[in-house]
Protein backbone atom coordinates (compact mmCIF):
# COMPACT_ATOMS: atom_id res chain seq x y z
CA MET A 1 47.88 151.80 14.68
CA LEU A 2 44.30 151.24 15.81
CA LYS A 3 44.14 147.97 13.91
CA GLU A 4 47.37 146.74 15.51
CA SER A 5 46.21 147.60 19.02
CA ILE A 6 42.89 145.81 18.46
CA GLN A 7 44.67 142.71 17.17
CA GLN A 8 47.10 142.71 20.08
CA THR A 9 44.30 143.13 22.63
CA SER A 10 42.24 140.37 21.05
CA LYS A 11 45.24 138.00 21.17
CA GLU A 12 45.74 138.78 24.85
CA LEU A 13 42.08 138.33 25.76
CA THR A 14 41.32 135.25 23.69
CA HIS A 15 43.60 132.50 24.86
CA THR A 16 43.62 129.77 22.23
CA THR A 17 44.75 126.30 23.14
CA CYS A 18 45.37 123.39 20.86
CA GLN A 19 43.20 120.64 22.22
CA ARG A 20 43.44 117.27 20.59
CA ILE A 21 40.19 115.93 19.20
CA LYS A 22 39.80 112.42 20.47
CA LYS A 23 37.21 109.71 20.30
CA LYS A 24 34.95 109.24 23.29
CA TRP A 25 36.39 105.82 24.05
CA MET A 26 40.03 106.96 24.16
CA THR A 27 41.66 106.72 27.58
CA GLU A 28 44.46 108.77 29.06
CA ASP A 29 46.72 105.73 28.90
CA ILE A 30 46.23 105.51 25.13
CA LEU A 31 46.89 109.21 24.69
CA GLU A 32 50.12 108.94 26.69
CA LEU A 33 51.22 106.02 24.52
CA MET A 34 50.46 108.07 21.41
CA GLU A 35 52.65 110.86 22.70
CA ASN A 36 55.40 108.38 23.50
CA ARG A 37 55.08 106.91 20.00
CA ARG A 38 55.42 110.36 18.49
CA LYS A 39 58.63 110.94 20.44
CA ASN A 40 60.08 107.59 19.27
CA LYS A 41 59.65 108.12 15.53
CA HIS A 42 63.39 107.88 14.99
CA ASN A 43 63.60 104.43 16.67
CA LYS A 44 61.66 102.08 14.36
CA ALA A 45 61.65 99.03 16.65
CA GLU A 46 60.34 101.00 19.64
CA TYR A 47 57.85 102.85 17.44
CA ASP A 48 56.45 99.58 16.05
CA ARG A 49 56.17 98.04 19.52
CA ILE A 50 54.31 101.06 20.89
CA ASN A 51 52.10 101.24 17.80
CA LYS A 52 51.07 97.60 18.24
CA GLU A 53 50.26 98.23 21.90
CA ILE A 54 48.19 101.30 20.97
CA ARG A 55 46.18 99.33 18.42
CA GLN A 56 45.44 96.58 20.94
CA LYS A 57 44.43 99.01 23.68
CA CYS A 58 42.26 101.02 21.27
CA LYS A 59 40.46 97.89 20.16
CA THR A 60 39.68 96.75 23.71
CA ALA A 61 38.77 100.25 24.92
CA LYS A 62 36.39 100.78 22.01
CA GLU A 63 34.75 97.40 22.54
CA GLU A 64 34.30 98.04 26.28
CA TRP A 65 32.88 101.51 25.60
CA LEU A 66 30.41 100.16 23.03
CA ASN A 67 29.30 97.36 25.37
CA GLU A 68 28.73 99.89 28.14
CA LYS A 69 26.70 102.12 25.81
CA CYS A 70 24.62 99.16 24.62
CA LYS A 71 23.82 98.18 28.21
CA GLN A 72 22.85 101.78 28.91
CA ILE A 73 20.57 101.82 25.86
CA GLU A 74 18.91 98.58 26.96
CA THR A 75 18.17 99.90 30.45
CA GLU A 76 16.86 103.22 29.15
CA HIS A 77 14.69 101.42 26.60
CA LYS A 78 12.59 99.92 29.40
CA GLU A 79 11.73 103.38 30.69
CA ASN A 80 11.52 105.28 27.40
CA PRO A 81 11.21 103.25 24.17
CA LYS A 82 11.85 106.29 21.96
CA SER A 83 15.23 106.89 23.55
CA ILE A 84 16.68 103.80 21.88
CA TYR A 85 16.55 105.44 18.45
CA GLU A 86 18.16 108.66 19.68
CA ASN A 87 20.95 106.77 21.44
CA VAL A 88 21.65 104.53 18.44
CA ASP A 89 21.80 107.57 16.19
CA ASN A 90 24.28 109.19 18.60
CA LEU A 91 26.43 106.04 18.59
CA LEU A 92 26.45 105.92 14.81
CA GLY A 93 27.26 109.62 14.55
CA ARG A 94 24.01 110.62 12.92
CA ARG A 95 22.81 114.08 13.73
CA LYS A 96 19.42 115.64 13.32
CA ARG A 97 19.20 118.00 10.42
CA THR A 98 17.70 121.37 11.04
CA THR A 99 15.38 122.73 8.43
CA THR A 100 15.37 126.42 7.74
CA GLY A 101 12.22 126.49 5.66
CA CYS A 102 11.69 128.73 2.69
CA LEU A 103 13.56 131.99 2.58
CA LYS A 104 11.70 135.02 1.33
CA SER A 105 13.44 137.89 -0.32
């Protein structure tokens, strides 16, 4: 009984939402097209047309986003030369590793 009440209370207090993980360069227009594509799975011709449009928009959006980031890196490099390495690592998805050191028992 106590366990059930705790579980029920925790479900009420912690509102979980399913948020789609998306790339940083994805636009709302692309996400809407993806939703529309999902709804049209039964209609192959419409699905293929929407899928082609999504691929084209993704390609252009990603290229524009990368160009913008590169321009930003170039301008920041003039002020802080070390920032170029951090920004390139962020673009490539590299993360700094944290070292924990030796553990003693």
